[in-house]
């Protein structure tokens, strides 16, 4: 698999990094989320990924249910520590995911 963080950025992960024109499939996106979580991200990366996962699961539940699971959601909930930051990151993730999903 390509770099999971690049796949996530290309799908709209709200981090300050360059995106490419590539649009990943839902399956690639789910695999990238799993691989990124397995790497035990911390700080801003973890917060951005958690907001991204929760936005995906809440606004596109059938898409998320097809490839996601409770372990991913549990991880995401544990990594949302700042409510204000979460809301900001979630809004950005929603806007970006709308072009992918």
C-alpha atoms as a PDB file:
ATOM      1  CA  UNK A   1       0.000   0.000   0.000  1.00  0.00           C
ATOM      2  CA  UNK A   2       1.094   3.567  -0.590  1.00  0.00           C
ATOM      3  CA  UNK A   3       1.824   5.785   2.410  1.00  0.00           C
ATOM      4  CA  UNK A   4      -1.351   5.604   4.540  1.00  0.00           C
ATOM      5  CA  UNK A   5      -0.994   9.219   5.657  1.00  0.00           C
ATOM      6  CA  UNK A   6      -0.836  10.400   2.041  1.00  0.00           C
ATOM      7  CA  UNK A   7      -3.965   8.389   1.235  1.00  0.00           C
ATOM      8  CA  UNK A   8      -5.689  10.017   4.204  1.00  0.00           C
ATOM      9  CA  UNK A   9      -4.512  13.501   3.167  1.00  0.00           C
ATOM     10  CA  UNK A  10      -5.765  12.848  -0.374  1.00  0.00           C
ATOM     11  CA  UNK A  11      -9.148  11.916   1.113  1.00  0.00           C
ATOM     12  CA  UNK A  12      -9.237  15.152   3.083  1.00  0.00           C
ATOM     13  CA  UNK A  13      -7.660  14.438   6.457  1.00  0.00           C
ATOM     14  CA  UNK A  14      -7.545  17.899   8.059  1.00  0.00           C
ATOM     15  CA  UNK A  15      -3.792  18.319   8.439  1.00  0.00           C
ATOM     16  CA  UNK A  16      -1.516  20.949   6.962  1.00  0.00           C
ATOM     17  CA  UNK A  17       0.143  18.819   4.294  1.00  0.00           C
ATOM     18  CA  UNK A  18       0.042  18.673   0.535  1.00  0.00           C
ATOM     19  CA  UNK A  19      -2.636  16.666  -1.224  1.00  0.00           C
ATOM     20  CA  UNK A  20      -2.362  15.063  -4.629  1.00  0.00           C
ATOM     21  CA  UNK A  21      -5.095  14.805  -7.254  1.00  0.00           C
ATOM     22  CA  UNK A  22      -5.600  11.129  -6.463  1.00  0.00           C
ATOM     23  CA  UNK A  23      -8.958  10.161  -4.952  1.00  0.00           C
ATOM     24  CA  UNK A  24      -8.684   6.959  -2.914  1.00  0.00           C
ATOM     25  CA  UNK A  25     -11.381   4.302  -2.886  1.00  0.00           C
ATOM     26  CA  UNK A  26     -13.338   3.594   0.281  1.00  0.00           C
ATOM     27  CA  UNK A  27     -11.438   0.329   0.692  1.00  0.00           C
ATOM     28  CA  UNK A  28      -8.081   2.111   0.407  1.00  0.00           C
ATOM     29  CA  UNK A  29      -9.279   4.734   2.833  1.00  0.00           C
ATOM     30  CA  UNK A  30     -10.301   2.129   5.429  1.00  0.00           C
ATOM     31  CA  UNK A  31      -6.981   0.301   5.081  1.00  0.00           C
ATOM     32  CA  UNK A  32      -5.101   3.588   5.492  1.00  0.00           C
ATOM     33  CA  UNK A  33      -7.083   4.416   8.647  1.00  0.00           C
ATOM     34  CA  UNK A  34      -6.263   1.012  10.133  1.00  0.00           C
ATOM     35  CA  UNK A  35      -2.578   1.306   9.271  1.00  0.00           C
ATOM     36  CA  UNK A  36      -2.347   4.850  10.634  1.00  0.00           C
ATOM     37  CA  UNK A  37      -4.023   3.822  13.901  1.00  0.00           C
ATOM     38  CA  UNK A  38      -1.691   0.826  14.187  1.00  0.00           C
ATOM     39  CA  UNK A  39       1.207   3.289  14.121  1.00  0.00           C
ATOM     40  CA  UNK A  40      -0.159   4.845  17.358  1.00  0.00           C
ATOM     41  CA  UNK A  41      -0.366   8.468  16.228  1.00  0.00           C
ATOM     42  CA  UNK A  42      -0.267  11.143  18.902  1.00  0.00           C
ATOM     43  CA  UNK A  43      -1.019  14.836  19.188  1.00  0.00           C
ATOM     44  CA  UNK A  44      -2.415  16.711  16.229  1.00  0.00           C
ATOM     45  CA  UNK A  45      -2.242  13.723  13.898  1.00  0.00           C
ATOM     46  CA  UNK A  46      -4.317  11.609  16.273  1.00  0.00           C
ATOM     47  CA  UNK A  47      -6.851  14.405  16.811  1.00  0.00           C
ATOM     48  CA  UNK A  48      -7.227  15.025  13.079  1.00  0.00           C
ATOM     49  CA  UNK A  49      -7.594  11.326  12.323  1.00  0.00           C
ATOM     50  CA  UNK A  50     -10.147  10.863  15.112  1.00  0.00           C
ATOM     51  CA  UNK A  51     -12.264  13.766  13.845  1.00  0.00           C
ATOM     52  CA  UNK A  52     -11.995  12.414  10.300  1.00  0.00           C
ATOM     53  CA  UNK A  53     -13.114   8.914  11.332  1.00  0.00           C
ATOM     54  CA  UNK A  54     -16.028  10.216  13.398  1.00  0.00           C
ATOM     55  CA  UNK A  55     -17.182  12.548  10.614  1.00  0.00           C
ATOM     56  CA  UNK A  56     -17.085   9.655   8.153  1.00  0.00           C
ATOM     57  CA  UNK A  57     -18.975   7.285  10.448  1.00  0.00           C
ATOM     58  CA  UNK A  58     -21.655   9.836  11.363  1.00  0.00           C
ATOM     59  CA  UNK A  59     -22.341  11.374   7.963  1.00  0.00           C
ATOM     60  CA  UNK A  60     -21.777   8.382   5.705  1.00  0.00           C
ATOM     61  CA  UNK A  61     -22.751   5.511   8.027  1.00  0.00           C
ATOM     62  CA  UNK A  62     -23.389   2.920   5.328  1.00  0.00           C
ATOM     63  CA  UNK A  63     -20.042   3.655   3.691  1.00  0.00           C
ATOM     64  CA  UNK A  64     -18.241   3.443   7.018  1.00  0.00           C
ATOM     65  CA  UNK A  65     -20.132   0.316   8.119  1.00  0.00           C
ATOM     66  CA  UNK A  66     -19.058  -1.484   4.950  1.00  0.00           C
ATOM     67  CA  UNK A  67     -15.366  -1.156   5.838  1.00  0.00           C
ATOM     68  CA  UNK A  68     -15.089   0.163   9.402  1.00  0.00           C
ATOM     69  CA  UNK A  69     -15.584  -1.426  12.792  1.00  0.00           C
ATOM     70  CA  UNK A  70     -16.139  -0.667  16.479  1.00  0.00           C
ATOM     71  CA  UNK A  71     -12.419  -0.791  17.265  1.00  0.00           C
ATOM     72  CA  UNK A  72     -11.793   2.129  14.920  1.00  0.00           C
ATOM     73  CA  UNK A  73     -14.657   4.102  16.452  1.00  0.00           C
ATOM     74  CA  UNK A  74     -13.480   3.340  19.987  1.00  0.00           C
ATOM     75  CA  UNK A  75     -10.004   4.594  19.091  1.00  0.00           C
ATOM     76  CA  UNK A  76     -11.468   7.749  17.552  1.00  0.00           C
ATOM     77  CA  UNK A  77     -13.592   8.536  20.615  1.00  0.00           C
ATOM     78  CA  UNK A  78     -10.586   8.079  22.913  1.00  0.00           C
ATOM     79  CA  UNK A  79      -8.546  10.541  20.836  1.00  0.00           C
ATOM     80  CA  UNK A  80     -10.981  13.467  20.874  1.00  0.00           C
ATOM     81  CA  UNK A  81      -9.816  15.385  23.920  1.00  0.00           C
ATOM     82  CA  UNK A  82     -10.524  19.013  22.996  1.00  0.00           C
ATOM     83  CA  UNK A  83     -14.162  19.603  22.041  1.00  0.00           C
ATOM     84  CA  UNK A  84     -13.511  22.905  20.252  1.00  0.00           C
ATOM     85  CA  UNK A  85     -10.620  21.504  18.240  1.00  0.00           C
ATOM     86  CA  UNK A  86     -12.694  18.435  17.414  1.00  0.00           C
ATOM     87  CA  UNK A  87     -15.517  20.588  16.003  1.00  0.00           C
ATOM     88  CA  UNK A  88     -13.115  22.568  13.823  1.00  0.00           C
ATOM     89  CA  UNK A  89     -11.374  19.450  12.517  1.00  0.00           C
ATOM     90  CA  UNK A  90     -14.703  17.684  11.979  1.00  0.00           C
ATOM     91  CA  UNK A  91     -16.018  20.555   9.837  1.00  0.00           C
ATOM     92  CA  UNK A  92     -12.905  20.434   7.690  1.00  0.00           C
ATOM     93  CA  UNK A  93     -13.104  16.640   7.395  1.00  0.00           C
ATOM     94  CA  UNK A  94     -16.772  16.790   6.366  1.00  0.00           C
ATOM     95  CA  UNK A  95     -16.111  19.328   3.638  1.00  0.00           C
ATOM     96  CA  UNK A  96     -13.252  17.248   2.285  1.00  0.00           C
ATOM     97  CA  UNK A  97     -14.940  13.863   2.614  1.00  0.00           C
ATOM     98  CA  UNK A  98     -17.947  15.153   0.694  1.00  0.00           C
ATOM     99  CA  UNK A  99     -15.786  15.225  -2.419  1.00  0.00           C
ATOM    100  CA  UNK A 100     -14.519  11.667  -1.854  1.00  0.00           C
ATOM    101  CA  UNK A 101     -17.479   9.647  -0.579  1.00  0.00           C
END
